[in-house]
Amino acid sequence: MEREIIKELIIENTGSGGGQIVIVPYKNGYALKRYRGTGEQIIVPSFIDQKPVTAIERKAFLSCKTIKRITLPDTVEEIGDWAFAHAEQLRTVVIPYRELARGKELFLGCKRLREIVLCGCERCSDGGLGRMLALAVTVLHDYFLFDPVEVGTQEWVRRWDEKLMDLIELDDLDGFEELWTCGEEDYEGKDYDIKSYPVEKRKMKLRVVYFRLLHPYKLSEEMNSRLQEYLCRHTKGTQTPQAWELLVEEHPQDLAYYQVFAAAGGITEENFDGLLEDLKDSSAELRAYLLRYKEEHFASKDAFAAFELDW
């Protein structure tokens, strides 16, 4: 992003928490050069002195540790390299629904990013698309998907699902050797233990699988079946039961997740008693759901078994 070196303008942030936005002249308007402060919500102005803010410069919000939400105006046309990188608390970014010239690794290290809202996109009223866009750049690591105009189109969804399958098919130890060779084996925590690493990797994959099955926007039958099959491979009773563990640990009261788990075939006659035992401290609604599922899917078999003769 080229510009003349001209005196900076300091603008007070209008979002919560205060702070200052450093603005510089750029082309026929202005560019945001840097944010200074400890605010949680940043609102970038559309115009300054009747001139549009058209660009976010490289590293503009780099390593801003407190920011949780950034709203860009519909005048923005360019976003520079690493603009939001390592903003560790960033949850939501609002960007205009338009063609954007964008740099590399915009959201590097933004592990808590949950949603990229496309302001003005009618089809993005579907609650899952903003989350899909955030996952595209944080988990699927595909910046070709960071294309506001294409988000939600058939081809965009096809590529997103393709990248998800690529992620699922990666070896669960993929990436561990890099930690080891970089000398990070001395670090403490799940990410650096050879036994815990693949477990956490599977859980990360399964979080995305659950999300996709809960938000089946333009999800093909084939893709739906493949995701259900992956979930079922990790049900309780298998050697890698993280699909079930994830529900108990992170969604103990969320019936919708258990319905997805059941629809995938995760509940079996063999593991049913164990599932029910794991939910002994959960809500009556969840336990009732499991019992009803057993009655609808397994009870008839039990009834017929009563008439069997022992020859």
Protein backbone atom coordinates (compact mmCIF):
# COMPACT_ATOMS: atom_id res chain seq x y z
CA MET A 1 0.00 0.00 0.00
CA GLU A 2 1.86 3.13 -1.20
CA ARG A 3 1.22 6.61 0.15
CA GLU A 4 2.93 9.92 0.71
CA ILE A 5 4.43 10.54 4.17
CA ILE A 6 2.12 13.26 5.45
CA LYS A 7 1.27 14.35 8.96
CA GLU A 8 -0.90 11.92 10.89
CA LEU A 9 -4.36 12.74 12.21
CA ILE A 10 -5.49 11.47 15.59
CA ILE A 11 -9.18 10.54 15.86
CA GLU A 12 -10.87 9.48 19.09
CA ASN A 13 -12.39 6.01 18.86
CA THR A 14 -16.19 6.15 19.06
CA GLY A 15 -16.48 2.55 20.25
CA SER A 16 -16.37 1.36 23.86
CA GLY A 17 -13.17 1.74 25.83
CA GLY A 18 -11.85 4.81 24.08
CA GLY A 19 -8.42 4.90 22.49
CA GLN A 20 -7.25 6.69 19.40
CA ILE A 21 -7.25 5.91 15.68
CA VAL A 22 -4.26 7.20 13.73
CA ILE A 23 -5.30 8.33 10.24
CA VAL A 24 -3.11 9.31 7.27
CA PRO A 25 -4.01 10.76 3.86
CA TYR A 26 -4.27 8.04 1.22
CA LYS A 27 -5.24 8.45 -2.44
CA ASN A 28 -8.43 10.54 -2.46
CA GLY A 29 -9.26 9.93 1.16
CA TYR A 30 -7.70 8.46 4.27
CA ALA A 31 -6.22 5.23 5.57
CA LEU A 32 -6.27 3.94 9.12
CA LYS A 33 -2.62 3.50 10.06
CA ARG A 34 -2.82 2.32 13.66
CA TYR A 35 -5.07 1.96 16.66
CA ARG A 36 -3.73 3.05 20.05
CA GLY A 37 -5.53 2.16 23.24
CA THR A 38 -7.14 -0.61 25.23
CA GLY A 39 -10.71 -0.46 23.94
CA GLU A 40 -12.88 -3.52 23.38
CA GLN A 41 -14.95 -2.20 20.46
CA ILE A 42 -13.51 -0.17 17.59
CA ILE A 43 -15.70 1.70 15.11
CA VAL A 44 -13.78 3.05 12.12
CA PRO A 45 -15.42 6.23 10.77
CA SER A 46 -16.66 6.34 7.17
CA PHE A 47 -15.61 9.94 6.48
CA ILE A 48 -13.18 12.45 7.93
CA ASP A 49 -13.42 16.05 6.73
CA GLN A 50 -15.86 14.79 4.08
CA LYS A 51 -13.24 12.44 2.66
CA PRO A 52 -13.74 8.63 2.82
CA VAL A 53 -11.67 6.23 4.86
CA THR A 54 -10.81 3.73 2.14
CA ALA A 55 -8.02 1.60 3.57
CA ILE A 56 -6.79 -0.26 6.64
CA GLU A 57 -3.00 -0.28 6.57
CA ARG A 58 -0.81 -3.29 7.25
CA LYS A 59 -0.51 -4.18 10.93
CA ALA A 60 -3.12 -1.55 11.85
CA PHE A 61 -4.48 -3.65 14.73
CA LEU A 62 -1.49 -5.96 15.15
CA SER A 63 -1.27 -7.47 18.65
CA CYS A 64 -4.07 -5.32 20.06
CA LYS A 65 -4.82 -7.54 23.05
CA THR A 66 -8.11 -6.04 24.27
CA ILE A 67 -10.18 -5.60 21.12
CA LYS A 68 -13.21 -7.89 20.82
CA ARG A 69 -15.09 -6.23 17.93
CA ILE A 70 -14.00 -4.10 14.99
CA THR A 71 -16.48 -2.43 12.64
CA LEU A 72 -15.19 -1.21 9.27
CA PRO A 73 -17.24 1.26 7.21
CA ASP A 74 -18.64 0.52 3.76
CA THR A 75 -16.12 3.00 2.32
CA VAL A 76 -13.19 0.63 2.95
CA GLU A 77 -11.70 -0.84 -0.23
CA GLU A 78 -8.34 -2.21 0.96
CA ILE A 79 -7.05 -4.14 3.95
CA GLY A 80 -3.28 -4.53 4.32
CA ASP A 81 -1.11 -7.45 5.43
CA TRP A 82 -1.54 -8.70 9.00
CA ALA A 83 -4.10 -5.95 9.66
CA PHE A 84 -5.72 -7.82 12.59
CA ALA A 85 -3.00 -10.39 13.32
CA HIS A 86 -2.55 -11.57 16.90
CA ALA A 87 -5.53 -9.61 18.20
CA GLU A 88 -6.03 -12.45 20.65
CA GLN A 89 -9.42 -11.39 22.06
CA LEU A 90 -10.99 -10.49 18.71
CA ARG A 91 -14.40 -12.16 18.34
CA THR A 92 -16.23 -10.22 15.63
CA VAL A 93 -15.22 -8.17 12.59
CA VAL A 94 -17.77 -6.27 10.50
CA ILE A 95 -16.68 -5.62 6.91
CA PRO A 96 -18.49 -4.17 3.88
CA TYR A 97 -20.10 -6.45 1.34
CA ARG A 98 -17.97 -5.42 -1.64
CA GLU A 99 -14.80 -6.29 -3.52
CA LEU A 100 -11.79 -5.79 -1.26
CA ALA A 101 -8.10 -5.63 -2.06
CA ARG A 102 -6.70 -7.65 0.79
CA GLY A 103 -3.25 -8.54 2.06
CA LYS A 104 -1.87 -11.74 3.54
CA GLU A 105 -2.53 -13.41 6.88
CA LEU A 106 -5.04 -10.78 7.97
CA PHE A 107 -6.22 -12.86 10.93
CA LEU A 108 -3.05 -14.73 11.85
CA GLY A 109 -3.22 -15.79 15.48
CA CYS A 110 -6.85 -14.67 15.96
CA LYS A 111 -7.87 -17.95 17.59
CA ARG A 112 -11.00 -16.54 19.23
CA LEU A 113 -12.47 -15.02 16.06
CA ARG A 114 -16.02 -16.34 15.79
CA GLU A 115 -17.72 -14.27 13.12
CA ILE A 116 -16.99 -12.01 10.17
CA VAL A 117 -20.17 -10.05 9.47
CA LEU A 118 -20.77 -8.89 5.90
CA CYS A 119 -22.71 -5.65 6.19
CA GLY A 120 -25.24 -5.35 3.36
CA CYS A 121 -25.21 -9.00 2.25
CA GLU A 122 -28.80 -10.27 2.08
CA ARG A 123 -27.95 -13.95 1.81
CA CYS A 124 -25.67 -13.58 4.82
CA SER A 125 -28.73 -13.19 7.02
CA ASP A 126 -28.23 -16.92 7.47
CA GLY A 127 -26.53 -17.00 10.85
CA GLY A 128 -23.96 -19.58 9.84
CA LEU A 129 -22.23 -17.75 6.99
CA GLY A 130 -20.42 -15.24 9.17
CA ARG A 131 -19.09 -18.10 11.26
CA MET A 132 -18.14 -20.05 8.13
CA LEU A 133 -16.15 -17.06 6.89
CA ALA A 134 -14.32 -16.77 10.22
CA LEU A 135 -13.51 -20.49 10.20
CA ALA A 136 -12.24 -20.18 6.64
CA VAL A 137 -9.39 -17.92 7.72
CA THR A 138 -8.69 -19.24 11.23
CA VAL A 139 -9.15 -23.03 10.98
CA LEU A 140 -9.28 -23.92 7.28
CA HIS A 141 -6.51 -21.39 6.54
CA ASP A 142 -7.83 -20.52 3.09
CA TYR A 143 -7.75 -16.81 2.27
CA PHE A 144 -9.20 -17.45 -1.17
CA LEU A 145 -12.45 -17.90 0.74
CA PHE A 146 -12.09 -14.41 2.21
CA ASP A 147 -13.99 -12.90 -0.70
CA PRO A 148 -17.04 -10.94 0.51
CA VAL A 149 -18.85 -10.95 -2.84
CA GLU A 150 -18.56 -14.74 -3.23
CA VAL A 151 -19.49 -15.74 0.32
CA GLY A 152 -22.48 -18.07 0.31
CA THR A 153 -22.44 -18.86 -3.40
CA GLN A 154 -22.59 -22.49 -4.50
CA GLU A 155 -18.95 -22.50 -5.58
CA TRP A 156 -17.83 -20.80 -2.35
CA VAL A 157 -19.66 -23.38 -0.23
CA ARG A 158 -18.26 -26.22 -2.34
CA ARG A 159 -14.70 -25.00 -1.77
CA TRP A 160 -15.36 -24.46 1.96
CA ASP A 161 -16.61 -28.03 2.35
CA GLU A 162 -13.69 -29.32 0.31
CA LYS A 163 -11.26 -27.57 2.66
CA LEU A 164 -13.09 -29.03 5.64
CA MET A 165 -12.61 -32.54 4.25
CA ASP A 166 -8.92 -31.78 3.69
CA LEU A 167 -8.70 -30.81 7.36
CA ILE A 168 -10.50 -33.97 8.51
CA GLU A 169 -8.23 -36.19 6.45
CA LEU A 170 -5.04 -34.72 7.90
CA ASP A 171 -3.20 -37.04 10.27
CA ASP A 172 -4.05 -36.12 13.86
CA LEU A 173 -0.34 -35.75 14.60
CA ASP A 174 0.15 -33.34 11.71
CA GLY A 175 2.02 -30.31 12.99
CA PHE A 176 3.36 -31.95 16.16
CA GLU A 177 6.79 -32.52 14.66
CA GLU A 178 7.05 -28.81 13.94
CA LEU A 179 6.53 -28.03 17.63
CA TRP A 180 9.15 -30.62 18.53
CA THR A 181 11.80 -29.44 16.08
CA CYS A 182 11.26 -25.83 17.14
CA GLY A 183 12.20 -26.75 20.68
CA GLU A 184 8.68 -26.25 22.01
CA GLU A 185 8.52 -29.77 23.48
CA ASP A 186 9.53 -28.25 26.81
CA TYR A 187 6.33 -26.20 26.95
CA GLU A 188 3.60 -27.37 29.28
CA GLY A 189 0.03 -27.98 28.16
CA LYS A 190 -2.09 -30.21 25.94
CA ASP A 191 -0.76 -28.76 22.69
CA TYR A 192 2.75 -29.99 23.37
CA ASP A 193 2.14 -33.50 24.75
CA ILE A 194 2.35 -36.33 22.22
CA LYS A 195 -0.61 -38.14 23.84
CA SER A 196 -2.83 -35.10 24.20
CA TYR A 197 -1.97 -33.46 20.87
CA PRO A 198 -3.95 -35.83 18.59
CA VAL A 199 -6.90 -35.78 21.02
CA GLU A 200 -7.06 -31.98 20.90
CA LYS A 201 -6.59 -32.07 17.12
CA ARG A 202 -9.59 -34.39 16.74
CA LYS A 203 -11.67 -32.18 19.01
CA MET A 204 -10.80 -29.17 16.88
CA LYS A 205 -11.91 -31.03 13.76
CA LEU A 206 -15.09 -32.25 15.44
CA ARG A 207 -16.04 -28.73 16.57
CA VAL A 208 -16.11 -27.70 12.91
CA VAL A 209 -17.99 -30.87 11.91
CA TYR A 210 -20.66 -30.24 14.55
CA PHE A 211 -20.95 -26.62 13.44
CA ARG A 212 -21.39 -27.60 9.79
CA LEU A 213 -24.05 -30.19 10.57
CA LEU A 214 -25.86 -27.65 12.74
CA HIS A 215 -25.68 -25.08 9.89
CA PRO A 216 -26.26 -27.16 6.74
CA TYR A 217 -26.33 -24.18 4.37
CA LYS A 218 -26.19 -25.68 0.84
CA LEU A 219 -24.74 -28.85 2.35
CA SER A 220 -24.82 -31.70 -0.17
CA GLU A 221 -26.13 -35.13 0.80
CA GLU A 222 -22.73 -36.63 0.05
CA MET A 223 -20.93 -34.13 2.29
CA ASN A 224 -23.52 -34.59 5.02
CA SER A 225 -22.94 -38.36 4.95
CA ARG A 226 -19.15 -37.96 5.09
CA LEU A 227 -19.35 -35.64 8.08
CA GLN A 228 -21.76 -37.95 9.90
CA GLU A 229 -19.48 -40.90 9.19
CA TYR A 230 -16.49 -39.01 10.66
CA LEU A 231 -18.49 -38.10 13.76
CA CYS A 232 -19.63 -41.71 14.16
CA ARG A 233 -16.04 -42.97 14.00
CA HIS A 234 -15.42 -41.07 17.22
CA THR A 235 -18.49 -42.00 19.25
CA LYS A 236 -18.39 -43.52 22.72
CA GLY A 237 -17.17 -47.09 22.64
CA THR A 238 -14.51 -46.45 20.00
CA GLN A 239 -10.82 -46.00 20.77
CA THR A 240 -11.15 -42.28 20.00
CA PRO A 241 -14.48 -41.18 21.55
CA GLN A 242 -13.91 -37.43 21.23
CA ALA A 243 -17.21 -36.78 19.41
CA TRP A 244 -19.00 -37.76 22.61
CA GLU A 245 -16.47 -36.27 25.04
CA LEU A 246 -16.81 -32.91 23.29
CA LEU A 247 -20.55 -32.87 23.93
CA VAL A 248 -20.23 -33.74 27.61
CA GLU A 249 -17.40 -31.25 28.19
CA GLU A 250 -18.54 -28.27 26.11
CA HIS A 251 -22.28 -28.69 25.40
CA PRO A 252 -23.72 -30.49 28.43
CA GLN A 253 -27.13 -28.81 28.10
CA ASP A 254 -27.37 -28.13 24.35
CA LEU A 255 -29.98 -30.51 22.95
CA ALA A 256 -29.31 -29.52 19.31
CA TYR A 257 -25.80 -30.99 19.49
CA TYR A 258 -27.11 -34.28 20.86
CA GLN A 259 -29.68 -34.44 18.08
CA VAL A 260 -26.89 -34.05 15.51
CA PHE A 261 -24.93 -36.76 17.31
CA ALA A 262 -27.93 -39.08 17.24
CA ALA A 263 -28.74 -38.36 13.59
CA ALA A 264 -25.18 -39.35 12.68
CA GLY A 265 -25.66 -42.74 14.35
CA GLY A 266 -23.60 -41.96 17.41
CA ILE A 267 -26.10 -43.62 19.76
CA THR A 268 -26.00 -47.42 19.64
CA GLU A 269 -27.42 -50.23 21.72
CA GLU A 270 -23.89 -51.04 22.84
CA ASN A 271 -22.97 -47.58 24.09
CA PHE A 272 -26.37 -46.38 25.28
CA ASP A 273 -25.98 -47.24 28.96
CA GLY A 274 -22.60 -45.50 29.03
CA LEU A 275 -24.03 -42.37 27.39
CA LEU A 276 -26.86 -42.22 29.90
CA GLU A 277 -24.42 -42.66 32.80
CA ASP A 278 -22.24 -39.81 31.50
CA LEU A 279 -25.32 -37.55 31.52
CA LYS A 280 -26.43 -38.40 35.05
CA ASP A 281 -25.83 -34.80 36.14
CA SER A 282 -27.29 -33.23 32.99
CA SER A 283 -30.75 -31.78 32.50
CA ALA A 284 -33.87 -33.90 32.65
CA GLU A 285 -34.60 -32.83 29.06
CA LEU A 286 -31.39 -34.41 27.75
CA ARG A 287 -31.87 -37.63 29.68
CA ALA A 288 -35.49 -37.82 28.52
CA TYR A 289 -34.32 -37.34 24.94
CA LEU A 290 -31.90 -40.26 25.24
CA LEU A 291 -34.54 -42.52 26.79
CA ARG A 292 -37.04 -41.58 24.13
CA TYR A 293 -34.44 -42.28 21.43
CA LYS A 294 -33.84 -45.74 22.92
CA GLU A 295 -37.56 -46.46 23.01
CA GLU A 296 -38.03 -45.38 19.39
CA HIS A 297 -34.98 -47.14 17.96
CA PHE A 298 -34.15 -50.08 20.18
CA ALA A 299 -37.23 -50.96 22.24
CA SER A 300 -38.93 -52.87 19.42
CA LYS A 301 -35.91 -55.15 19.15
CA ASP A 302 -36.10 -55.83 22.88
CA ALA A 303 -39.80 -56.65 22.57
CA PHE A 304 -39.21 -59.17 19.79
CA ALA A 305 -36.32 -60.68 21.73
CA ALA A 306 -38.77 -61.59 24.50
CA PHE A 307 -40.57 -63.94 22.08
CA GLU A 308 -37.43 -65.69 20.94
CA LEU A 309 -37.22 -69.36 21.87
CA ASP A 310 -34.03 -70.84 23.18
CA TRP A 311 -33.70 -73.94 21.06
